[in-house]
């Protein structure tokens, strides 16, 4: 599992984050087929083995299933399970760094949230 958009992550984790975001946005829903390993590798200029490693991590976490000779498909409930896992990871790893940076800069969290609404 990886926090979305981790710039210093290995390539397979970046690819995983890309697919995670697509599932969370609803680009891939339960029952949808993910792009083939070769297609995703070509699209992102990655090694197919790297893409396979990213896909394997989704399978290991129970978000997708492999149908031999057909492809990889998103399982029912995957988006909700993924959202819960990503929220937990964000709160555990990303949020403390963000909060520390906000405090360091003397920013007010309420003001930051208000800026977003404007």
PDB file of N, CA and C in Angstrom:
ATOM      1  N   UNK A   1       0.846  -1.167   0.000  1.00  0.00           N
ATOM      2  CA  UNK A   1       0.000   0.000   0.000  1.00  0.00           C
ATOM      3  C   UNK A   1       0.895   1.235   0.000  1.00  0.00           C
ATOM      4  N   UNK A   2       0.437   2.290  -0.646  1.00  0.00           N
ATOM      5  CA  UNK A   2       1.217   3.516  -0.695  1.00  0.00           C
ATOM      6  C   UNK A   2       0.290   4.716  -0.686  1.00  0.00           C
ATOM      7  N   UNK A   3       0.751   5.781  -0.111  1.00  0.00           N
ATOM      8  CA  UNK A   3      -0.016   7.018  -0.158  1.00  0.00           C
ATOM      9  C   UNK A   3      -0.039   7.504  -1.604  1.00  0.00           C
ATOM     10  N   UNK A   4      -1.151   8.025  -2.018  1.00  0.00           N
ATOM     11  CA  UNK A   4      -1.272   8.527  -3.376  1.00  0.00           C
ATOM     12  C   UNK A   4      -0.285   9.673  -3.599  1.00  0.00           C
ATOM     13  N   UNK A   5       0.280   9.712  -4.800  1.00  0.00           N
ATOM     14  CA  UNK A   5       1.167  10.794  -5.230  1.00  0.00           C
ATOM     15  C   UNK A   5       2.450  10.922  -4.419  1.00  0.00           C
ATOM     16  N   UNK A   6       3.042   9.835  -4.016  1.00  0.00           N
ATOM     17  CA  UNK A   6       4.334   9.881  -3.330  1.00  0.00           C
ATOM     18  C   UNK A   6       5.428   9.988  -4.373  1.00  0.00           C
ATOM     19  N   UNK A   7       6.002  11.177  -4.503  1.00  0.00           N
ATOM     20  CA  UNK A   7       6.978  11.436  -5.562  1.00  0.00           C
ATOM     21  C   UNK A   7       8.283  10.670  -5.384  1.00  0.00           C
ATOM     22  N   UNK A   8       8.640  10.344  -4.150  1.00  0.00           N
ATOM     23  CA  UNK A   8       9.909   9.670  -3.912  1.00  0.00           C
ATOM     24  C   UNK A   8       9.762   8.150  -3.855  1.00  0.00           C
ATOM     25  N   UNK A   9       8.617   7.639  -4.259  1.00  0.00           N
ATOM     26  CA  UNK A   9       8.347   6.204  -4.223  1.00  0.00           C
ATOM     27  C   UNK A   9       8.952   5.493  -5.428  1.00  0.00           C
ATOM     28  N   UNK A  10       9.186   4.178  -5.290  1.00  0.00           N
ATOM     29  CA  UNK A  10       9.614   3.396  -6.457  1.00  0.00           C
ATOM     30  C   UNK A  10       8.545   3.431  -7.558  1.00  0.00           C
ATOM     31  N   UNK A  11       8.954   3.134  -8.788  1.00  0.00           N
ATOM     32  CA  UNK A  11       8.059   3.221  -9.942  1.00  0.00           C
ATOM     33  C   UNK A  11       6.809   2.354  -9.762  1.00  0.00           C
ATOM     34  N   UNK A  12       6.964   1.130  -9.247  1.00  0.00           N
ATOM     35  CA  UNK A  12       5.787   0.273  -9.118  1.00  0.00           C
ATOM     36  C   UNK A  12       4.779   0.859  -8.145  1.00  0.00           C
ATOM     37  N   UNK A  13       5.253   1.575  -7.128  1.00  0.00           N
ATOM     38  CA  UNK A  13       4.325   2.215  -6.195  1.00  0.00           C
ATOM     39  C   UNK A  13       3.656   3.436  -6.824  1.00  0.00           C
ATOM     40  N   UNK A  14       4.382   4.136  -7.688  1.00  0.00           N
ATOM     41  CA  UNK A  14       3.775   5.256  -8.415  1.00  0.00           C
ATOM     42  C   UNK A  14       2.680   4.743  -9.346  1.00  0.00           C
ATOM     43  N   UNK A  15       2.954   3.635 -10.033  1.00  0.00           N
ATOM     44  CA  UNK A  15       1.943   3.040 -10.905  1.00  0.00           C
ATOM     45  C   UNK A  15       0.736   2.577 -10.086  1.00  0.00           C
ATOM     46  N   UNK A  16       1.006   1.988  -8.950  1.00  0.00           N
ATOM     47  CA  UNK A  16      -0.072   1.545  -8.065  1.00  0.00           C
ATOM     48  C   UNK A  16      -0.919   2.748  -7.632  1.00  0.00           C
ATOM     49  N   UNK A  17      -0.257   3.854  -7.300  1.00  0.00           N
ATOM     50  CA  UNK A  17      -0.976   5.063  -6.900  1.00  0.00           C
ATOM     51  C   UNK A  17      -1.848   5.589  -8.038  1.00  0.00           C
ATOM     52  N   UNK A  18      -1.358   5.492  -9.263  1.00  0.00           N
ATOM     53  CA  UNK A  18      -2.127   5.937 -10.428  1.00  0.00           C
ATOM     54  C   UNK A  18      -3.400   5.106 -10.586  1.00  0.00           C
ATOM     55  N   UNK A  19      -3.256   3.793 -10.483  1.00  0.00           N
ATOM     56  CA  UNK A  19      -4.422   2.911 -10.602  1.00  0.00           C
ATOM     57  C   UNK A  19      -5.347   3.092  -9.400  1.00  0.00           C
ATOM     58  N   UNK A  20      -4.783   3.251  -8.204  1.00  0.00           N
ATOM     59  CA  UNK A  20      -5.596   3.483  -7.006  1.00  0.00           C
ATOM     60  C   UNK A  20      -6.469   4.718  -7.189  1.00  0.00           C
ATOM     61  N   UNK A  21      -5.857   5.792  -7.659  1.00  0.00           N
ATOM     62  CA  UNK A  21      -6.606   7.031  -7.874  1.00  0.00           C
ATOM     63  C   UNK A  21      -7.721   6.824  -8.902  1.00  0.00           C
ATOM     64  N   UNK A  22      -7.439   6.056  -9.951  1.00  0.00           N
ATOM     65  CA  UNK A  22      -8.458   5.793 -10.975  1.00  0.00           C
ATOM     66  C   UNK A  22      -9.622   4.993 -10.389  1.00  0.00           C
ATOM     67  N   UNK A  23      -9.330   4.041  -9.533  1.00  0.00           N
ATOM     68  CA  UNK A  23     -10.393   3.261  -8.892  1.00  0.00           C
ATOM     69  C   UNK A  23     -11.196   4.160  -7.954  1.00  0.00           C
ATOM     70  N   UNK A  24     -10.506   4.987  -7.183  1.00  0.00           N
ATOM     71  CA  UNK A  24     -11.201   5.884  -6.248  1.00  0.00           C
ATOM     72  C   UNK A  24     -12.047   6.927  -6.966  1.00  0.00           C
ATOM     73  N   UNK A  25     -11.608   7.392  -8.132  1.00  0.00           N
ATOM     74  CA  UNK A  25     -12.391   8.346  -8.934  1.00  0.00           C
ATOM     75  C   UNK A  25     -13.576   7.682  -9.622  1.00  0.00           C
ATOM     76  N   UNK A  26     -13.536   6.363  -9.719  1.00  0.00           N
ATOM     77  CA  UNK A  26     -14.598   5.653 -10.419  1.00  0.00           C
ATOM     78  C   UNK A  26     -14.293   5.395 -11.878  1.00  0.00           C
ATOM     79  N   UNK A  27     -13.063   5.649 -12.293  1.00  0.00           N
ATOM     80  CA  UNK A  27     -12.681   5.351 -13.673  1.00  0.00           C
ATOM     81  C   UNK A  27     -12.737   3.846 -13.919  1.00  0.00           C
ATOM     82  N   UNK A  28     -12.406   3.075 -12.877  1.00  0.00           N
ATOM     83  CA  UNK A  28     -12.532   1.614 -12.913  1.00  0.00           C
ATOM     84  C   UNK A  28     -13.458   1.216 -11.778  1.00  0.00           C
ATOM     85  N   UNK A  29     -14.555   0.574 -12.121  1.00  0.00           N
ATOM     86  CA  UNK A  29     -15.542   0.150 -11.128  1.00  0.00           C
ATOM     87  C   UNK A  29     -15.500  -1.368 -10.975  1.00  0.00           C
ATOM     88  N   UNK A  30     -16.228  -1.852  -9.991  1.00  0.00           N
ATOM     89  CA  UNK A  30     -16.307  -3.295  -9.771  1.00  0.00           C
ATOM     90  C   UNK A  30     -16.684  -3.992 -11.074  1.00  0.00           C
ATOM     91  N   UNK A  31     -15.926  -5.005 -11.433  1.00  0.00           N
ATOM     92  CA  UNK A  31     -16.175  -5.763 -12.651  1.00  0.00           C
ATOM     93  C   UNK A  31     -15.442  -5.248 -13.873  1.00  0.00           C
ATOM     94  N   UNK A  32     -14.899  -4.035 -13.789  1.00  0.00           N
ATOM     95  CA  UNK A  32     -14.171  -3.471 -14.930  1.00  0.00           C
ATOM     96  C   UNK A  32     -12.798  -4.130 -15.057  1.00  0.00           C
ATOM     97  N   UNK A  33     -12.362  -4.248 -16.300  1.00  0.00           N
ATOM     98  CA  UNK A  33     -11.039  -4.792 -16.577  1.00  0.00           C
ATOM     99  C   UNK A  33     -10.011  -3.671 -16.544  1.00  0.00           C
ATOM    100  N   UNK A  34      -8.910  -3.917 -15.864  1.00  0.00           N
ATOM    101  CA  UNK A  34      -7.801  -2.964 -15.861  1.00  0.00           C
ATOM    102  C   UNK A  34      -7.033  -3.100 -17.176  1.00  0.00           C
ATOM    103  N   UNK A  35      -6.289  -2.056 -17.552  1.00  0.00           N
ATOM    104  CA  UNK A  35      -5.471  -2.166 -18.761  1.00  0.00           C
ATOM    105  C   UNK A  35      -4.488  -3.334 -18.630  1.00  0.00           C
ATOM    106  N   UNK A  36      -4.134  -3.919 -19.753  1.00  0.00           N
ATOM    107  CA  UNK A  36      -3.164  -5.020 -19.715  1.00  0.00           C
ATOM    108  C   UNK A  36      -1.828  -4.499 -19.201  1.00  0.00           C
ATOM    109  N   UNK A  37      -1.010  -5.414 -18.741  1.00  0.00           N
ATOM    110  CA  UNK A  37       0.321  -5.057 -18.256  1.00  0.00           C
ATOM    111  C   UNK A  37       1.088  -4.326 -19.351  1.00  0.00           C
ATOM    112  N   UNK A  38       1.049  -4.855 -20.549  1.00  0.00           N
ATOM    113  CA  UNK A  38       1.790  -4.238 -21.660  1.00  0.00           C
ATOM    114  C   UNK A  38       1.250  -2.852 -21.998  1.00  0.00           C
ATOM    115  N   UNK A  39      -0.077  -2.710 -22.007  1.00  0.00           N
ATOM    116  CA  UNK A  39      -0.675  -1.412 -22.338  1.00  0.00           C
ATOM    117  C   UNK A  39      -0.311  -0.360 -21.294  1.00  0.00           C
ATOM    118  N   UNK A  40      -0.398  -0.729 -20.015  1.00  0.00           N
ATOM    119  CA  UNK A  40      -0.059   0.234 -18.962  1.00  0.00           C
ATOM    120  C   UNK A  40       1.429   0.561 -18.978  1.00  0.00           C
ATOM    121  N   UNK A  41       2.254  -0.435 -19.242  1.00  0.00           N
ATOM    122  CA  UNK A  41       3.705  -0.204 -19.332  1.00  0.00           C
ATOM    123  C   UNK A  41       4.017   0.772 -20.462  1.00  0.00           C
ATOM    124  N   UNK A  42       3.394   0.562 -21.618  1.00  0.00           N
ATOM    125  CA  UNK A  42       3.630   1.450 -22.761  1.00  0.00           C
ATOM    126  C   UNK A  42       3.136   2.866 -22.465  1.00  0.00           C
ATOM    127  N   UNK A  43       1.976   2.967 -21.833  1.00  0.00           N
ATOM    128  CA  UNK A  43       1.391   4.273 -21.525  1.00  0.00           C
ATOM    129  C   UNK A  43       2.273   5.084 -20.578  1.00  0.00           C
ATOM    130  N   UNK A  44       2.933   4.403 -19.639  1.00  0.00           N
ATOM    131  CA  UNK A  44       3.731   5.100 -18.629  1.00  0.00           C
ATOM    132  C   UNK A  44       5.236   4.963 -18.843  1.00  0.00           C
ATOM    133  N   UNK A  45       5.643   4.333 -19.938  1.00  0.00           N
ATOM    134  CA  UNK A  45       7.064   4.169 -20.216  1.00  0.00           C
ATOM    135  C   UNK A  45       7.761   3.336 -19.160  1.00  0.00           C
ATOM    136  N   UNK A  46       7.056   2.335 -18.657  1.00  0.00           N
ATOM    137  CA  UNK A  46       7.593   1.488 -17.589  1.00  0.00           C
ATOM    138  C   UNK A  46       7.896   0.094 -18.114  1.00  0.00           C
ATOM    139  N   UNK A  47       8.683  -0.621 -17.373  1.00  0.00           N
ATOM    140  CA  UNK A  47       8.978  -2.010 -17.679  1.00  0.00           C
ATOM    141  C   UNK A  47       7.735  -2.854 -17.347  1.00  0.00           C
ATOM    142  N   UNK A  48       7.339  -3.781 -18.218  1.00  0.00           N
ATOM    143  CA  UNK A  48       6.175  -4.623 -17.922  1.00  0.00           C
ATOM    144  C   UNK A  48       6.294  -5.394 -16.603  1.00  0.00           C
ATOM    145  N   UNK A  49       7.504  -5.774 -16.202  1.00  0.00           N
ATOM    146  CA  UNK A  49       7.676  -6.463 -14.918  1.00  0.00           C
ATOM    147  C   UNK A  49       7.338  -5.544 -13.743  1.00  0.00           C
ATOM    148  N   UNK A  50       7.604  -4.252 -13.913  1.00  0.00           N
ATOM    149  CA  UNK A  50       7.283  -3.274 -12.883  1.00  0.00           C
ATOM    150  C   UNK A  50       5.766  -3.125 -12.759  1.00  0.00           C
ATOM    151  N   UNK A  51       5.086  -3.084 -13.890  1.00  0.00           N
ATOM    152  CA  UNK A  51       3.624  -3.005 -13.889  1.00  0.00           C
ATOM    153  C   UNK A  51       3.045  -4.272 -13.270  1.00  0.00           C
ATOM    154  N   UNK A  52       3.602  -5.414 -13.630  1.00  0.00           N
ATOM    155  CA  UNK A  52       3.120  -6.684 -13.065  1.00  0.00           C
ATOM    156  C   UNK A  52       3.269  -6.687 -11.546  1.00  0.00           C
ATOM    157  N   UNK A  53       4.345  -6.106 -11.041  1.00  0.00           N
ATOM    158  CA  UNK A  53       4.550  -6.028  -9.590  1.00  0.00           C
ATOM    159  C   UNK A  53       3.482  -5.143  -8.946  1.00  0.00           C
ATOM    160  N   UNK A  54       3.154  -4.032  -9.578  1.00  0.00           N
ATOM    161  CA  UNK A  54       2.104  -3.152  -9.060  1.00  0.00           C
ATOM    162  C   UNK A  54       0.762  -3.886  -9.051  1.00  0.00           C
ATOM    163  N   UNK A  55       0.446  -4.562 -10.139  1.00  0.00           N
ATOM    164  CA  UNK A  55      -0.810  -5.310 -10.223  1.00  0.00           C
ATOM    165  C   UNK A  55      -0.853  -6.442  -9.202  1.00  0.00           C
ATOM    166  N   UNK A  56       0.285  -7.102  -8.993  1.00  0.00           N
ATOM    167  CA  UNK A  56       0.334  -8.189  -8.019  1.00  0.00           C
ATOM    168  C   UNK A  56      -0.005  -7.670  -6.624  1.00  0.00           C
ATOM    169  N   UNK A  57       0.431  -6.467  -6.316  1.00  0.00           N
ATOM    170  CA  UNK A  57       0.138  -5.907  -4.994  1.00  0.00           C
ATOM    171  C   UNK A  57      -1.366  -5.663  -4.834  1.00  0.00           C
ATOM    172  N   UNK A  58      -2.043  -5.286  -5.909  1.00  0.00           N
ATOM    173  CA  UNK A  58      -3.505  -5.131  -5.857  1.00  0.00           C
ATOM    174  C   UNK A  58      -4.182  -6.482  -5.631  1.00  0.00           C
ATOM    175  N   UNK A  59      -3.662  -7.488  -6.292  1.00  0.00           N
ATOM    176  CA  UNK A  59      -4.216  -8.825  -6.124  1.00  0.00           C
ATOM    177  C   UNK A  59      -3.979  -9.315  -4.697  1.00  0.00           C
ATOM    178  N   UNK A  60      -2.778  -9.102  -4.184  1.00  0.00           N
ATOM    179  CA  UNK A  60      -2.445  -9.515  -2.818  1.00  0.00           C
ATOM    180  C   UNK A  60      -3.348  -8.834  -1.789  1.00  0.00           C
ATOM    181  N   UNK A  61      -3.725  -7.584  -2.058  1.00  0.00           N
ATOM    182  CA  UNK A  61      -4.568  -6.828  -1.130  1.00  0.00           C
ATOM    183  C   UNK A  61      -6.064  -7.090  -1.327  1.00  0.00           C
ATOM    184  N   UNK A  62      -6.409  -7.897  -2.334  1.00  0.00           N
ATOM    185  CA  UNK A  62      -7.803  -8.273  -2.544  1.00  0.00           C
ATOM    186  C   UNK A  62      -8.652  -7.238  -3.257  1.00  0.00           C
ATOM    187  N   UNK A  63      -8.026  -6.376  -4.054  1.00  0.00           N
ATOM    188  CA  UNK A  63      -8.775  -5.366  -4.800  1.00  0.00           C
ATOM    189  C   UNK A  63      -9.122  -5.829  -6.216  1.00  0.00           C
ATOM    190  N   UNK A  64      -8.348  -6.766  -6.729  1.00  0.00           N
ATOM    191  CA  UNK A  64      -8.555  -7.246  -8.099  1.00  0.00           C
ATOM    192  C   UNK A  64      -8.409  -8.761  -8.137  1.00  0.00           C
ATOM    193  N   UNK A  65      -8.927  -9.334  -9.226  1.00  0.00           N
ATOM    194  CA  UNK A  65      -8.733 -10.760  -9.453  1.00  0.00           C
ATOM    195  C   UNK A  65      -8.237 -10.959 -10.875  1.00  0.00           C
ATOM    196  N   UNK A  66      -7.460 -12.010 -11.040  1.00  0.00           N
ATOM    197  CA  UNK A  66      -6.952 -12.360 -12.360  1.00  0.00           C
ATOM    198  C   UNK A  66      -7.841 -13.453 -12.925  1.00  0.00           C
ATOM    199  N   UNK A  67      -8.284 -13.238 -14.148  1.00  0.00           N
ATOM    200  CA  UNK A  67      -8.998 -14.278 -14.880  1.00  0.00           C
ATOM    201  C   UNK A  67      -8.043 -14.745 -15.963  1.00  0.00           C
ATOM    202  N   UNK A  68      -7.539 -15.950 -15.787  1.00  0.00           N
ATOM    203  CA  UNK A  68      -6.517 -16.487 -16.690  1.00  0.00           C
ATOM    204  C   UNK A  68      -6.933 -16.355 -18.150  1.00  0.00           C
ATOM    205  N   UNK A  69      -6.021 -15.812 -18.916  1.00  0.00           N
ATOM    206  CA  UNK A  69      -6.246 -15.661 -20.345  1.00  0.00           C
ATOM    207  C   UNK A  69      -7.151 -14.499 -20.709  1.00  0.00           C
ATOM    208  N   UNK A  70      -7.689 -13.801 -19.713  1.00  0.00           N
ATOM    209  CA  UNK A  70      -8.607 -12.690 -19.979  1.00  0.00           C
ATOM    210  C   UNK A  70      -8.025 -11.363 -19.489  1.00  0.00           C
ATOM    211  N   UNK A  71      -7.615 -11.326 -18.206  1.00  0.00           N
ATOM    212  CA  UNK A  71      -7.054 -10.091 -17.664  1.00  0.00           C
ATOM    213  C   UNK A  71      -7.327  -9.928 -16.185  1.00  0.00           C
ATOM    214  N   UNK A  72      -7.135  -8.714 -15.732  1.00  0.00           N
ATOM    215  CA  UNK A  72      -7.294  -8.370 -14.326  1.00  0.00           C
ATOM    216  C   UNK A  72      -8.541  -7.507 -14.171  1.00  0.00           C
ATOM    217  N   UNK A  73      -9.376  -7.853 -13.162  1.00  0.00           N
ATOM    218  CA  UNK A  73     -10.658  -7.186 -12.980  1.00  0.00           C
ATOM    219  C   UNK A  73     -10.814  -6.674 -11.552  1.00  0.00           C
ATOM    220  N   UNK A  74     -11.454  -5.517 -11.421  1.00  0.00           N
ATOM    221  CA  UNK A  74     -11.695  -4.906 -10.115  1.00  0.00           C
ATOM    222  C   UNK A  74     -12.792  -5.699  -9.404  1.00  0.00           C
ATOM    223  N   UNK A  75     -12.529  -6.048  -8.150  1.00  0.00           N
ATOM    224  CA  UNK A  75     -13.487  -6.817  -7.362  1.00  0.00           C
ATOM    225  C   UNK A  75     -14.543  -5.914  -6.733  1.00  0.00           C
ATOM    226  N   UNK A  76     -15.737  -6.446  -6.477  1.00  0.00           N
ATOM    227  CA  UNK A  76     -16.761  -5.670  -5.761  1.00  0.00           C
ATOM    228  C   UNK A  76     -16.227  -5.230  -4.393  1.00  0.00           C
ATOM    229  N   UNK A  77     -16.504  -3.998  -4.028  1.00  0.00           N
ATOM    230  CA  UNK A  77     -16.062  -3.457  -2.750  1.00  0.00           C
ATOM    231  C   UNK A  77     -14.638  -2.948  -2.741  1.00  0.00           C
ATOM    232  N   UNK A  78     -13.930  -3.086  -3.855  1.00  0.00           N
ATOM    233  CA  UNK A  78     -12.525  -2.685  -3.901  1.00  0.00           C
ATOM    234  C   UNK A  78     -12.355  -1.186  -3.644  1.00  0.00           C
ATOM    235  N   UNK A  79     -13.208  -0.365  -4.232  1.00  0.00           N
ATOM    236  CA  UNK A  79     -13.064   1.089  -4.076  1.00  0.00           C
ATOM    237  C   UNK A  79     -13.220   1.490  -2.612  1.00  0.00           C
ATOM    238  N   UNK A  80     -14.199   0.935  -1.933  1.00  0.00           N
ATOM    239  CA  UNK A  80     -14.410   1.294  -0.528  1.00  0.00           C
ATOM    240  C   UNK A  80     -13.261   0.786   0.345  1.00  0.00           C
ATOM    241  N   UNK A  81     -12.818  -0.443   0.107  1.00  0.00           N
ATOM    242  CA  UNK A  81     -11.685  -0.982   0.869  1.00  0.00           C
ATOM    243  C   UNK A  81     -10.426  -0.153   0.625  1.00  0.00           C
ATOM    244  N   UNK A  82     -10.229   0.238  -0.633  1.00  0.00           N
ATOM    245  CA  UNK A  82      -9.062   1.039  -0.992  1.00  0.00           C
ATOM    246  C   UNK A  82      -9.138   2.416  -0.339  1.00  0.00           C
ATOM    247  N   UNK A  83     -10.321   3.004  -0.338  1.00  0.00           N
ATOM    248  CA  UNK A  83     -10.496   4.324   0.278  1.00  0.00           C
ATOM    249  C   UNK A  83     -10.177   4.269   1.775  1.00  0.00           C
ATOM    250  N   UNK A  84     -10.644   3.248   2.444  1.00  0.00           N
ATOM    251  CA  UNK A  84     -10.371   3.087   3.879  1.00  0.00           C
ATOM    252  C   UNK A  84      -8.863   2.940   4.117  1.00  0.00           C
ATOM    253  N   UNK A  85      -8.222   2.098   3.317  1.00  0.00           N
ATOM    254  CA  UNK A  85      -6.783   1.872   3.478  1.00  0.00           C
ATOM    255  C   UNK A  85      -5.987   3.146   3.190  1.00  0.00           C
ATOM    256  N   UNK A  86      -6.360   3.875   2.138  1.00  0.00           N
ATOM    257  CA  UNK A  86      -5.645   5.102   1.789  1.00  0.00           C
ATOM    258  C   UNK A  86      -5.860   6.183   2.847  1.00  0.00           C
ATOM    259  N   UNK A  87      -7.078   6.262   3.407  1.00  0.00           N
ATOM    260  CA  UNK A  87      -7.338   7.231   4.483  1.00  0.00           C
ATOM    261  C   UNK A  87      -6.453   6.940   5.689  1.00  0.00           C
ATOM    262  N   UNK A  88      -6.402   5.667   6.079  1.00  0.00           N
ATOM    263  CA  UNK A  88      -5.580   5.281   7.233  1.00  0.00           C
ATOM    264  C   UNK A  88      -4.116   5.612   6.984  1.00  0.00           C
ATOM    265  N   UNK A  89      -3.638   5.305   5.799  1.00  0.00           N
ATOM    266  CA  UNK A  89      -2.243   5.585   5.469  1.00  0.00           C
ATOM    267  C   UNK A  89      -1.967   7.086   5.461  1.00  0.00           C
ATOM    268  N   UNK A  90      -2.884   7.856   4.899  1.00  0.00           N
ATOM    269  CA  UNK A  90      -2.734   9.319   4.872  1.00  0.00           C
ATOM    270  C   UNK A  90      -2.641   9.866   6.288  1.00  0.00           C
ATOM    271  N   UNK A  91      -3.553   9.441   7.144  1.00  0.00           N
ATOM    272  CA  UNK A  91      -3.575   9.955   8.513  1.00  0.00           C
ATOM    273  C   UNK A  91      -2.348   9.518   9.318  1.00  0.00           C
ATOM    274  N   UNK A  92      -1.808   8.371   8.972  1.00  0.00           N
ATOM    275  CA  UNK A  92      -0.658   7.839   9.700  1.00  0.00           C
ATOM    276  C   UNK A  92       0.665   8.414   9.198  1.00  0.00           C
ATOM    277  N   UNK A  93       0.794   8.596   7.882  1.00  0.00           N
ATOM    278  CA  UNK A  93       2.095   8.986   7.329  1.00  0.00           C
ATOM    279  C   UNK A  93       2.132  10.403   6.743  1.00  0.00           C
ATOM    280  N   UNK A  94       1.166  10.763   5.948  1.00  0.00           N
ATOM    281  CA  UNK A  94       1.205  12.064   5.269  1.00  0.00           C
ATOM    282  C   UNK A  94       0.764  13.210   6.175  1.00  0.00           C
ATOM    283  N   UNK A  95      -0.338  13.008   6.879  1.00  0.00           N
ATOM    284  CA  UNK A  95      -0.899  14.105   7.665  1.00  0.00           C
ATOM    285  C   UNK A  95       0.075  14.647   8.711  1.00  0.00           C
ATOM    286  N   UNK A  96       0.795  13.827   9.473  1.00  0.00           N
ATOM    287  CA  UNK A  96       1.730  14.398  10.448  1.00  0.00           C
ATOM    288  C   UNK A  96       2.773  15.328   9.812  1.00  0.00           C
ATOM    289  N   UNK A  97       3.272  14.960   8.622  1.00  0.00           N
ATOM    290  CA  UNK A  97       4.243  15.832   7.927  1.00  0.00           C
ATOM    291  C   UNK A  97       3.582  17.121   7.469  1.00  0.00           C
ATOM    292  N   UNK A  98       2.363  17.008   6.926  1.00  0.00           N
ATOM    293  CA  UNK A  98       1.637  18.199   6.459  1.00  0.00           C
ATOM    294  C   UNK A  98       1.333  19.118   7.640  1.00  0.00           C
ATOM    295  N   UNK A  99       0.845  18.545   8.718  1.00  0.00           N
ATOM    296  CA  UNK A  99       0.507  19.331   9.917  1.00  0.00           C
ATOM    297  C   UNK A  99       1.746  20.022  10.461  1.00  0.00           C
ATOM    298  N   UNK A 100       2.865  19.316  10.486  1.00  0.00           N
ATOM    299  CA  UNK A 100       4.113  19.901  10.961  1.00  0.00           C
ATOM    300  C   UNK A 100       4.525  21.083  10.085  1.00  0.00           C
ATOM    301  N   UNK A 101       4.360  20.941   8.788  1.00  0.00           N
ATOM    302  CA  UNK A 101       4.716  22.019   7.853  1.00  0.00           C
ATOM    303  C   UNK A 101       3.784  23.216   8.034  1.00  0.00           C
ATOM    304  N   UNK A 102       2.505  22.952   8.214  1.00  0.00           N
ATOM    305  CA  UNK A 102       1.536  24.026   8.474  1.00  0.00           C
ATOM    306  C   UNK A 102       1.945  24.794   9.725  1.00  0.00           C
ATOM    307  N   UNK A 103       2.277  24.061  10.788  1.00  0.00           N
ATOM    308  CA  UNK A 103       2.688  24.691  12.044  1.00  0.00           C
ATOM    309  C   UNK A 103       3.984  25.481  11.866  1.00  0.00           C
ATOM    310  N   UNK A 104       4.951  24.900  11.150  1.00  0.00           N
ATOM    311  CA  UNK A 104       6.234  25.554  10.921  1.00  0.00           C
ATOM    312  C   UNK A 104       6.066  26.897  10.215  1.00  0.00           C
ATOM    313  N   UNK A 105       5.140  26.947   9.266  1.00  0.00           N
ATOM    314  CA  UNK A 105       4.904  28.169   8.493  1.00  0.00           C
ATOM    315  C   UNK A 105       3.947  29.130   9.190  1.00  0.00           C
ATOM    316  N   UNK A 106       3.404  28.706  10.322  1.00  0.00           N
ATOM    317  CA  UNK A 106       2.486  29.571  11.059  1.00  0.00           C
ATOM    318  C   UNK A 106       1.159  29.771  10.359  1.00  0.00           C
ATOM    319  N   UNK A 107       0.755  28.773   9.590  1.00  0.00           N
ATOM    320  CA  UNK A 107      -0.521  28.863   8.884  1.00  0.00           C
ATOM    321  C   UNK A 107      -1.653  28.392   9.785  1.00  0.00           C
ATOM    322  N   UNK A 108      -2.840  28.883   9.499  1.00  0.00           N
ATOM    323  CA  UNK A 108      -4.023  28.479  10.249  1.00  0.00           C
ATOM    324  C   UNK A 108      -4.818  27.492   9.393  1.00  0.00           C
ATOM    325  N   UNK A 109      -5.070  26.300   9.944  1.00  0.00           N
ATOM    326  CA  UNK A 109      -5.767  25.257   9.187  1.00  0.00           C
ATOM    327  C   UNK A 109      -7.147  25.722   8.725  1.00  0.00           C
ATOM    328  N   UNK A 110      -7.859  26.452   9.563  1.00  0.00           N
ATOM    329  CA  UNK A 110      -9.195  26.945   9.189  1.00  0.00           C
ATOM    330  C   UNK A 110      -9.105  27.895   7.998  1.00  0.00           C
ATOM    331  N   UNK A 111      -8.091  28.769   7.991  1.00  0.00           N
ATOM    332  CA  UNK A 111      -7.899  29.681   6.860  1.00  0.00           C
ATOM    333  C   UNK A 111      -7.585  28.912   5.583  1.00  0.00           C
ATOM    334  N   UNK A 112      -6.768  27.867   5.716  1.00  0.00           N
ATOM    335  CA  UNK A 112      -6.436  27.054   4.544  1.00  0.00           C
ATOM    336  C   UNK A 112      -7.683  26.392   3.969  1.00  0.00           C
ATOM    337  N   UNK A 113      -8.530  25.880   4.836  1.00  0.00           N
ATOM    338  CA  UNK A 113      -9.768  25.247   4.371  1.00  0.00           C
ATOM    339  C   UNK A 113     -10.692  26.272   3.730  1.00  0.00           C
ATOM    340  N   UNK A 114     -10.740  27.458   4.278  1.00  0.00           N
ATOM    341  CA  UNK A 114     -11.582  28.521   3.712  1.00  0.00           C
ATOM    342  C   UNK A 114     -11.081  28.922   2.334  1.00  0.00           C
ATOM    343  N   UNK A 115      -9.767  28.961   2.141  1.00  0.00           N
ATOM    344  CA  UNK A 115      -9.185  29.292   0.826  1.00  0.00           C
ATOM    345  C   UNK A 115      -9.645  28.315  -0.234  1.00  0.00           C
ATOM    346  N   UNK A 116      -9.762  27.073   0.146  1.00  0.00           N
ATOM    347  CA  UNK A 116     -10.174  26.017  -0.786  1.00  0.00           C
ATOM    348  C   UNK A 116     -11.599  26.259  -1.271  1.00  0.00           C
ATOM    349  N   UNK A 117     -12.424  26.844  -0.454  1.00  0.00           N
ATOM    350  CA  UNK A 117     -13.840  27.074  -0.806  1.00  0.00           C
ATOM    351  C   UNK A 117     -14.020  28.253  -1.743  1.00  0.00           C
ATOM    352  N   UNK A 118     -13.038  29.144  -1.781  1.00  0.00           N
ATOM    353  CA  UNK A 118     -13.154  30.360  -2.582  1.00  0.00           C
ATOM    354  C   UNK A 118     -12.932  30.085  -4.035  1.00  0.00           C
TER     355      UNK A 118
END
